[in-house]
Amino acid sequence: MNIDDYQQAAQQLEQMFRSAEELYLQQRTPYVNPSLIPIADDLFKSPTKSYREALLGCGLAKLLNPAINIRHPYMNHGDDAFNGRTMDEKVINPFLRTRHIPASKGPYLATFRRSVKFVAETAQGLRDKKGYQAFLSYLEAFEKATGTEEVKNLLLYLLYRFVQLREEHNIQLMRVNRLSLDQIDSVIGILLQTRSGGYIPVLLTVAMLETLNHRFNLEWTIDWQDINVSDRAANVAGDITVRQNEQAILVLEVTERPLESQRVRDAFETKMSIHQISDYLFIVTVSSIDESVQKEVVKYFRQNYDINILELRTWIRHLLSITGAAGRQMFVDKFIELIDRNNIASVIKTTWNAAIKQMLEQ
């Protein structure tokens, strides 16, 4: 019994991994039975990468075909077996490597050779017995899962731990010497497909403002804060404040979520009126703006408050069109500088690398 469609397997894995990345950026841990957490700890502390990699292949096989016996990773194990090596070589290993996650050369070429089954007796020929026991314990959880959703939850938590593992390793960013306006726009479009909890839109906005500042010698001071720090707690008027001669001339709020009229009212009542900000800019990642939001904007304009709403990708494209080639390179360099810091999640760094690679292949 084998997996019929490895492309489908790869797509399923990609979709679930994106969910795991989003949860990590949102600082939300997917639920799993608490008894599995120390088991996963042992599994990811193990120096044997093959255990984690083979387990991921088993979980994916179980999701795609519940009738598979995931303890039988060689076809000669019987009618209920699956081809673990093919699953690894076509799906799991390439997936881990392209996402900069530490991976083995192949668990079925190194640790699990000679048609071994995933049973307790196999531990006799293995050096890292503690890691293998963790592997078997998590494998048993996959076996006992009673439905598709339970298997998915186990896989999601496993992928979440892979994301955490990647955070412990330094990601080298791809650098490019020259990008056209269309190429930058394409890269931004790819970046914004990742739900980053607001990080990517904020970093793109800061990079654009810094580019304008340096390209045209505006003598701005651009202050911005960590996306997880609330404006009220930090006593600031928004995500980004642009100052000139110590005077705030523009405040920006950046959001991935659809903008609602209540949020505009909140911005006025808790930020603009308190901090005496008359020019406020919402940077959004969606192109459509609800009519009720527009009505709020008009209402405050009549009270001498300018609230403007701009779609991020279009805003950046228009601004970069007047900066020239030097300014566009400055923007790319500034964004790389912003994401190449230690406190920036590897999810964002690998998203940049993937976006550049995808753009160059177009």
Protein backbone atom coordinates (compact mmCIF):
# COMPACT_ATOMS: atom_id res chain seq x y z
CA MET A 1 0.00 0.00 0.00
CA ASN A 2 1.70 3.19 -1.12
CA ILE A 3 1.12 6.92 -1.45
CA ASP A 4 -0.34 7.55 -4.90
CA ASP A 5 0.36 11.26 -5.23
CA TYR A 6 3.57 12.68 -3.76
CA GLN A 7 2.78 16.10 -5.17
CA GLN A 8 -0.38 16.12 -3.07
CA ALA A 9 1.70 15.07 -0.07
CA ALA A 10 4.08 17.99 -0.64
CA GLN A 11 1.20 20.44 -0.97
CA GLN A 12 -0.41 19.18 2.22
CA LEU A 13 2.87 19.51 4.07
CA GLU A 14 3.43 23.03 2.74
CA GLN A 15 -0.04 24.15 3.81
CA MET A 16 0.34 22.80 7.33
CA PHE A 17 3.83 24.22 7.71
CA ARG A 18 2.56 27.69 6.83
CA SER A 19 -0.02 27.33 9.59
CA ALA A 20 2.74 26.33 12.02
CA GLU A 21 4.81 29.38 11.02
CA GLU A 22 1.86 31.71 11.50
CA LEU A 23 1.17 30.28 14.96
CA TYR A 24 4.83 30.75 15.88
CA LEU A 25 4.81 34.39 14.79
CA GLN A 26 1.60 34.94 16.76
CA GLN A 27 3.24 33.29 19.79
CA ARG A 28 0.51 30.67 19.91
CA THR A 29 1.37 27.03 20.52
CA PRO A 30 -0.87 24.47 18.78
CA TYR A 31 -2.65 22.20 21.24
CA VAL A 32 -1.38 18.70 21.80
CA ASN A 33 -1.90 16.25 24.63
CA PRO A 34 0.41 17.53 27.42
CA SER A 35 1.94 14.05 27.76
CA LEU A 36 3.47 14.46 24.30
CA ILE A 37 5.35 17.66 25.10
CA PRO A 38 8.26 16.02 27.01
CA ILE A 39 8.33 13.32 24.31
CA ALA A 40 8.71 16.00 21.65
CA ASP A 41 11.38 17.66 23.82
CA ASP A 42 13.45 14.46 23.79
CA LEU A 43 12.85 14.01 20.08
CA PHE A 44 14.10 17.48 19.18
CA LYS A 45 17.00 17.38 21.61
CA SER A 46 18.18 14.17 19.99
CA PRO A 47 21.32 14.50 17.84
CA THR A 48 19.78 11.95 15.45
CA LYS A 49 17.99 14.01 12.80
CA SER A 50 16.68 10.84 11.18
CA TYR A 51 14.15 10.25 13.96
CA ARG A 52 12.39 13.58 13.45
CA GLU A 53 12.52 13.32 9.68
CA ALA A 54 11.19 9.76 9.51
CA LEU A 55 8.44 10.60 12.02
CA LEU A 56 7.28 13.50 9.87
CA GLY A 57 7.04 11.16 6.89
CA CYS A 58 5.07 8.64 8.92
CA GLY A 59 2.62 11.27 10.14
CA LEU A 60 2.09 12.58 6.62
CA ALA A 61 1.55 9.04 5.30
CA LYS A 62 -1.01 8.42 8.06
CA LEU A 63 -2.85 11.60 7.11
CA LEU A 64 -2.97 10.74 3.41
CA ASN A 65 -3.89 7.09 3.86
CA PRO A 66 -5.13 6.01 7.32
CA ALA A 67 -4.94 2.32 6.30
CA ILE A 68 -1.13 2.44 6.12
CA ASN A 69 0.82 0.74 8.90
CA ILE A 70 3.33 3.46 9.71
CA ARG A 71 5.57 0.97 11.53
CA HIS A 72 6.24 -0.69 8.15
CA PRO A 73 8.30 1.78 6.07
CA TYR A 74 9.47 -0.80 3.50
CA MET A 75 7.22 -2.33 0.85
CA ASN A 76 8.43 -5.85 1.63
CA HIS A 77 6.86 -5.54 5.10
CA GLY A 78 3.47 -6.47 3.68
CA ASP A 79 0.36 -5.17 1.98
CA ASP A 80 -0.17 -2.43 4.58
CA ALA A 81 3.39 -1.04 4.26
CA PHE A 82 4.49 2.21 2.60
CA ASN A 83 7.69 3.36 0.92
CA GLY A 84 9.29 5.52 3.60
CA ARG A 85 12.42 6.19 1.57
CA THR A 86 10.48 7.48 -1.43
CA MET A 87 8.35 9.67 0.83
CA ASP A 88 11.52 11.12 2.33
CA GLU A 89 13.40 11.65 -0.93
CA LYS A 90 10.45 13.14 -2.84
CA VAL A 91 8.75 15.14 -0.11
CA ILE A 92 10.23 15.37 3.39
CA ASN A 93 13.95 15.91 2.85
CA PRO A 94 13.61 18.49 0.04
CA PHE A 95 10.97 20.30 2.08
CA LEU A 96 13.19 20.58 5.15
CA ARG A 97 16.24 21.68 3.17
CA THR A 98 14.48 24.39 1.17
CA ARG A 99 13.16 25.83 4.44
CA HIS A 100 16.58 25.83 6.08
CA ILE A 101 15.64 23.23 8.69
CA PRO A 102 18.46 20.90 9.78
CA ALA A 103 17.95 17.56 8.04
CA SER A 104 19.78 14.27 7.60
CA LYS A 105 21.09 12.95 4.31
CA GLY A 106 18.17 10.55 4.48
CA PRO A 107 16.99 8.44 7.44
CA TYR A 108 16.62 5.33 5.26
CA LEU A 109 20.18 5.65 4.00
CA ALA A 110 21.67 6.16 7.45
CA THR A 111 19.72 5.19 10.57
CA PHE A 112 16.94 2.95 9.27
CA ARG A 113 18.60 0.63 6.76
CA ARG A 114 18.14 -3.08 6.13
CA SER A 115 14.33 -2.98 6.02
CA VAL A 116 13.91 -2.34 9.75
CA LYS A 117 10.46 -1.91 11.25
CA PHE A 118 9.62 0.84 13.70
CA VAL A 119 9.32 -1.42 16.73
CA ALA A 120 11.03 -1.64 20.11
CA GLU A 121 13.42 -4.39 18.97
CA THR A 122 15.02 -2.04 16.43
CA ALA A 123 16.53 -0.04 19.31
CA GLN A 124 19.13 -2.80 19.83
CA GLY A 125 21.03 -1.64 16.77
CA LEU A 126 20.78 2.08 17.51
CA ARG A 127 23.13 4.24 19.54
CA ASP A 128 20.63 6.94 20.54
CA LYS A 129 18.03 4.83 22.33
CA LYS A 130 16.41 7.72 24.22
CA GLY A 131 15.73 9.58 21.00
CA TYR A 132 14.36 6.42 19.39
CA GLN A 133 12.01 5.83 22.31
CA ALA A 134 10.66 9.36 21.86
CA PHE A 135 10.21 8.58 18.18
CA LEU A 136 8.21 5.43 19.00
CA SER A 137 6.07 7.24 21.58
CA TYR A 138 5.04 9.96 19.14
CA LEU A 139 4.55 7.33 16.44
CA GLU A 140 2.14 5.54 18.77
CA ALA A 141 0.16 8.78 19.15
CA PHE A 142 -0.26 8.88 15.36
CA GLU A 143 -1.41 5.25 15.45
CA LYS A 144 -4.01 5.90 18.14
CA ALA A 145 -5.41 9.01 16.46
CA THR A 146 -9.08 8.38 15.78
CA GLY A 147 -9.66 10.73 12.87
CA THR A 148 -8.16 13.10 10.32
CA GLU A 149 -8.32 16.15 12.59
CA GLU A 150 -6.43 14.41 15.37
CA VAL A 151 -3.70 13.36 12.94
CA LYS A 152 -3.54 16.93 11.64
CA ASN A 153 -3.18 18.30 15.17
CA LEU A 154 -0.29 15.94 15.86
CA LEU A 155 1.36 16.92 12.59
CA LEU A 156 0.82 20.63 13.22
CA TYR A 157 2.50 20.43 16.62
CA LEU A 158 5.38 18.44 15.13
CA LEU A 159 5.84 21.07 12.41
CA TYR A 160 5.66 23.81 15.04
CA ARG A 161 8.61 22.17 16.79
CA PHE A 162 10.49 22.12 13.49
CA VAL A 163 9.90 25.87 13.24
CA GLN A 164 11.29 26.27 16.76
CA LEU A 165 14.28 24.13 15.80
CA ARG A 166 15.01 26.39 12.85
CA GLU A 167 14.97 29.44 15.14
CA GLU A 168 18.05 28.05 16.86
CA HIS A 169 20.06 28.20 13.64
CA ASN A 170 21.39 31.22 11.79
CA ILE A 171 19.67 31.83 8.46
CA GLN A 172 21.82 33.35 5.72
CA LEU A 173 19.83 35.88 3.73
CA MET A 174 19.90 35.96 -0.06
CA ARG A 175 21.25 39.28 -1.31
CA VAL A 176 20.72 40.76 -4.75
CA ASN A 177 22.65 43.58 -6.41
CA ARG A 178 19.83 44.94 -8.53
CA LEU A 179 16.06 44.59 -8.73
CA SER A 180 13.68 46.41 -11.05
CA LEU A 181 10.52 48.11 -9.84
CA ASP A 182 8.44 45.21 -11.15
CA GLN A 183 10.70 42.66 -9.46
CA ILE A 184 10.48 44.46 -6.10
CA ASP A 185 6.72 44.61 -6.46
CA SER A 186 6.64 40.88 -7.20
CA VAL A 187 8.76 40.09 -4.13
CA ILE A 188 6.53 42.23 -1.90
CA GLY A 189 3.48 40.40 -3.23
CA ILE A 190 5.05 37.06 -2.30
CA LEU A 191 6.10 38.33 1.14
CA LEU A 192 2.61 39.53 1.95
CA GLN A 193 1.17 36.09 1.32
CA THR A 194 2.67 35.07 4.67
CA ARG A 195 0.56 35.94 7.70
CA SER A 196 3.33 37.29 9.89
CA GLY A 197 1.34 38.77 12.74
CA GLY A 198 2.03 42.20 11.26
CA TYR A 199 5.83 41.96 11.22
CA ILE A 200 6.39 41.89 7.48
CA PRO A 201 4.09 44.86 6.67
CA VAL A 202 5.68 46.94 9.44
CA LEU A 203 9.21 46.13 8.31
CA LEU A 204 8.35 46.96 4.69
CA THR A 205 6.83 50.27 5.80
CA VAL A 206 9.85 51.21 7.92
CA ALA A 207 12.21 50.30 5.06
CA MET A 208 10.24 52.57 2.71
CA LEU A 209 10.26 55.50 5.12
CA GLU A 210 13.98 55.08 5.80
CA THR A 211 14.60 55.01 2.04
CA LEU A 212 12.74 58.29 1.51
CA ASN A 213 14.57 59.82 4.44
CA HIS A 214 18.05 58.99 3.16
CA ARG A 215 17.38 59.33 -0.56
CA PHE A 216 16.00 62.85 -0.27
CA ASN A 217 17.87 64.05 2.87
CA LEU A 218 14.64 64.74 4.75
CA GLU A 219 16.25 64.72 8.20
CA TRP A 220 13.49 62.59 9.63
CA THR A 221 13.65 60.58 12.81
CA ILE A 222 11.66 57.38 12.37
CA ASP A 223 10.59 55.67 15.58
CA TRP A 224 8.87 52.32 15.59
CA GLN A 225 8.19 49.60 18.09
CA ASP A 226 7.96 45.85 18.34
CA ILE A 227 4.69 44.66 16.86
CA ASN A 228 3.77 42.81 20.07
CA VAL A 229 3.98 45.93 22.24
CA SER A 230 0.63 47.69 22.47
CA ASP A 231 0.57 51.38 21.61
CA ARG A 232 -1.12 52.22 24.90
CA ALA A 233 1.46 50.33 26.95
CA ALA A 234 4.31 52.03 25.10
CA ASN A 235 2.60 55.44 25.32
CA VAL A 236 2.95 56.07 21.60
CA ALA A 237 0.46 57.17 18.99
CA GLY A 238 0.96 54.33 16.52
CA ASP A 239 3.25 51.66 15.10
CA ILE A 240 5.56 54.20 13.42
CA THR A 241 6.10 57.89 14.17
CA VAL A 242 7.94 60.20 11.77
CA ARG A 243 9.47 63.26 13.42
CA GLN A 244 11.23 66.31 12.04
CA ASN A 245 12.97 68.71 14.40
CA GLU A 246 11.53 66.62 17.25
CA GLN A 247 8.01 67.37 16.05
CA ALA A 248 5.77 64.47 15.03
CA ILE A 249 4.71 65.11 11.44
CA LEU A 250 3.14 61.75 10.61
CA VAL A 251 1.95 58.70 12.51
CA LEU A 252 1.36 55.37 10.79
CA GLU A 253 -0.54 52.30 11.89
CA VAL A 254 0.07 49.10 9.93
CA THR A 255 -2.36 46.21 9.85
CA GLU A 256 -2.79 42.84 8.18
CA ARG A 257 -6.37 42.60 9.35
CA PRO A 258 -9.24 44.24 7.45
CA LEU A 259 -9.71 47.79 8.71
CA GLU A 260 -12.98 48.38 10.56
CA SER A 261 -14.71 51.63 11.47
CA GLN A 262 -14.33 50.84 15.19
CA ARG A 263 -10.57 50.73 14.79
CA VAL A 264 -10.61 54.17 13.18
CA ARG A 265 -12.67 55.50 16.10
CA ASP A 266 -10.29 53.90 18.58
CA ALA A 267 -7.32 55.49 16.82
CA PHE A 268 -8.92 58.90 17.10
CA GLU A 269 -10.05 58.58 20.71
CA THR A 270 -6.98 56.91 22.19
CA LYS A 271 -4.19 58.24 19.97
CA MET A 272 -4.90 61.20 17.71
CA SER A 273 -6.86 63.32 20.19
CA ILE A 274 -4.61 62.47 23.15
CA HIS A 275 -1.30 62.97 21.33
CA GLN A 276 -2.64 65.86 19.22
CA ILE A 277 -1.85 64.12 15.93
CA SER A 278 -3.64 65.68 12.99
CA ASP A 279 -2.14 63.50 10.23
CA TYR A 280 -2.68 59.77 10.62
CA LEU A 281 -2.00 57.09 8.02
CA PHE A 282 -3.35 53.54 8.03
CA ILE A 283 -1.25 51.17 5.96
CA VAL A 284 -3.27 48.08 5.06
CA THR A 285 -2.52 44.93 3.10
CA VAL A 286 -5.99 44.58 1.57
CA SER A 287 -7.13 46.67 -1.38
CA SER A 288 -10.84 47.03 -0.55
CA ILE A 289 -11.98 49.45 2.16
CA ASP A 290 -15.41 49.16 3.74
CA GLU A 291 -17.81 52.06 3.12
CA SER A 292 -18.35 52.54 6.87
CA VAL A 293 -14.62 53.14 7.28
CA GLN A 294 -14.66 55.81 4.58
CA LYS A 295 -17.53 57.56 6.39
CA GLU A 296 -15.49 57.66 9.60
CA VAL A 297 -12.57 59.19 7.72
CA VAL A 298 -14.79 61.92 6.26
CA LYS A 299 -16.29 62.65 9.69
CA TYR A 300 -12.88 63.29 11.26
CA PHE A 301 -11.67 65.28 8.26
CA ARG A 302 -14.47 67.75 8.98
CA GLN A 303 -12.93 68.11 12.44
CA ASN A 304 -9.54 68.99 10.89
CA TYR A 305 -8.02 65.53 11.29
CA ASP A 306 -6.49 63.93 8.22
CA ILE A 307 -6.86 60.15 8.24
CA ASN A 308 -5.71 58.39 5.09
CA ILE A 309 -5.80 54.72 4.19
CA LEU A 310 -3.32 53.28 1.72
CA GLU A 311 -2.72 49.77 0.43
CA LEU A 312 0.87 48.87 1.29
CA ARG A 313 2.02 47.23 -1.94
CA THR A 314 0.66 50.01 -4.17
CA TRP A 315 2.00 52.73 -1.85
CA ILE A 316 5.52 51.31 -1.95
CA ARG A 317 5.45 50.82 -5.71
CA HIS A 318 4.44 54.44 -6.32
CA LEU A 319 7.06 55.81 -3.95
CA LEU A 320 9.82 53.65 -5.38
CA SER A 321 8.97 54.88 -8.86
CA ILE A 322 10.33 58.33 -7.92
CA THR A 323 13.40 57.22 -5.97
CA GLY A 324 15.31 56.02 -9.01
CA ALA A 325 17.43 52.89 -9.24
CA ALA A 326 19.63 54.04 -6.35
CA GLY A 327 16.61 54.48 -4.11
CA ARG A 328 15.21 51.08 -5.05
CA GLN A 329 18.48 49.40 -4.14
CA MET A 330 18.49 51.39 -0.91
CA PHE A 331 15.02 50.03 -0.11
CA VAL A 332 16.10 46.42 -0.71
CA ASP A 333 19.26 46.88 1.37
CA LYS A 334 17.32 48.51 4.20
CA PHE A 335 14.74 45.73 4.33
CA ILE A 336 17.51 43.10 4.45
CA GLU A 337 19.17 45.06 7.23
CA LEU A 338 15.93 45.11 9.21
CA ILE A 339 15.27 41.38 8.94
CA ASP A 340 18.89 40.36 9.47
CA ARG A 341 18.73 41.06 13.19
CA ASN A 342 18.84 38.41 15.88
CA ASN A 343 15.38 39.24 17.25
CA ILE A 344 13.66 38.71 13.90
CA ALA A 345 12.06 35.29 13.55
CA SER A 346 13.63 32.91 11.04
CA VAL A 347 10.19 32.53 9.49
CA ILE A 348 10.54 36.03 8.06
CA LYS A 349 14.09 35.40 6.86
CA THR A 350 13.20 32.20 5.07
CA THR A 351 10.14 33.91 3.58
CA TRP A 352 12.46 36.55 2.09
CA ASN A 353 14.77 33.89 0.67
CA ALA A 354 11.83 32.00 -0.82
CA ALA A 355 10.41 35.20 -2.32
CA ILE A 356 13.72 36.11 -3.99
CA LYS A 357 14.13 32.59 -5.32
CA GLN A 358 10.58 32.51 -6.67
CA MET A 359 11.00 35.93 -8.29
CA LEU A 360 14.25 34.92 -9.99
CA GLU A 361 12.64 31.79 -11.38
CA GLN A 362 9.79 33.71 -12.99
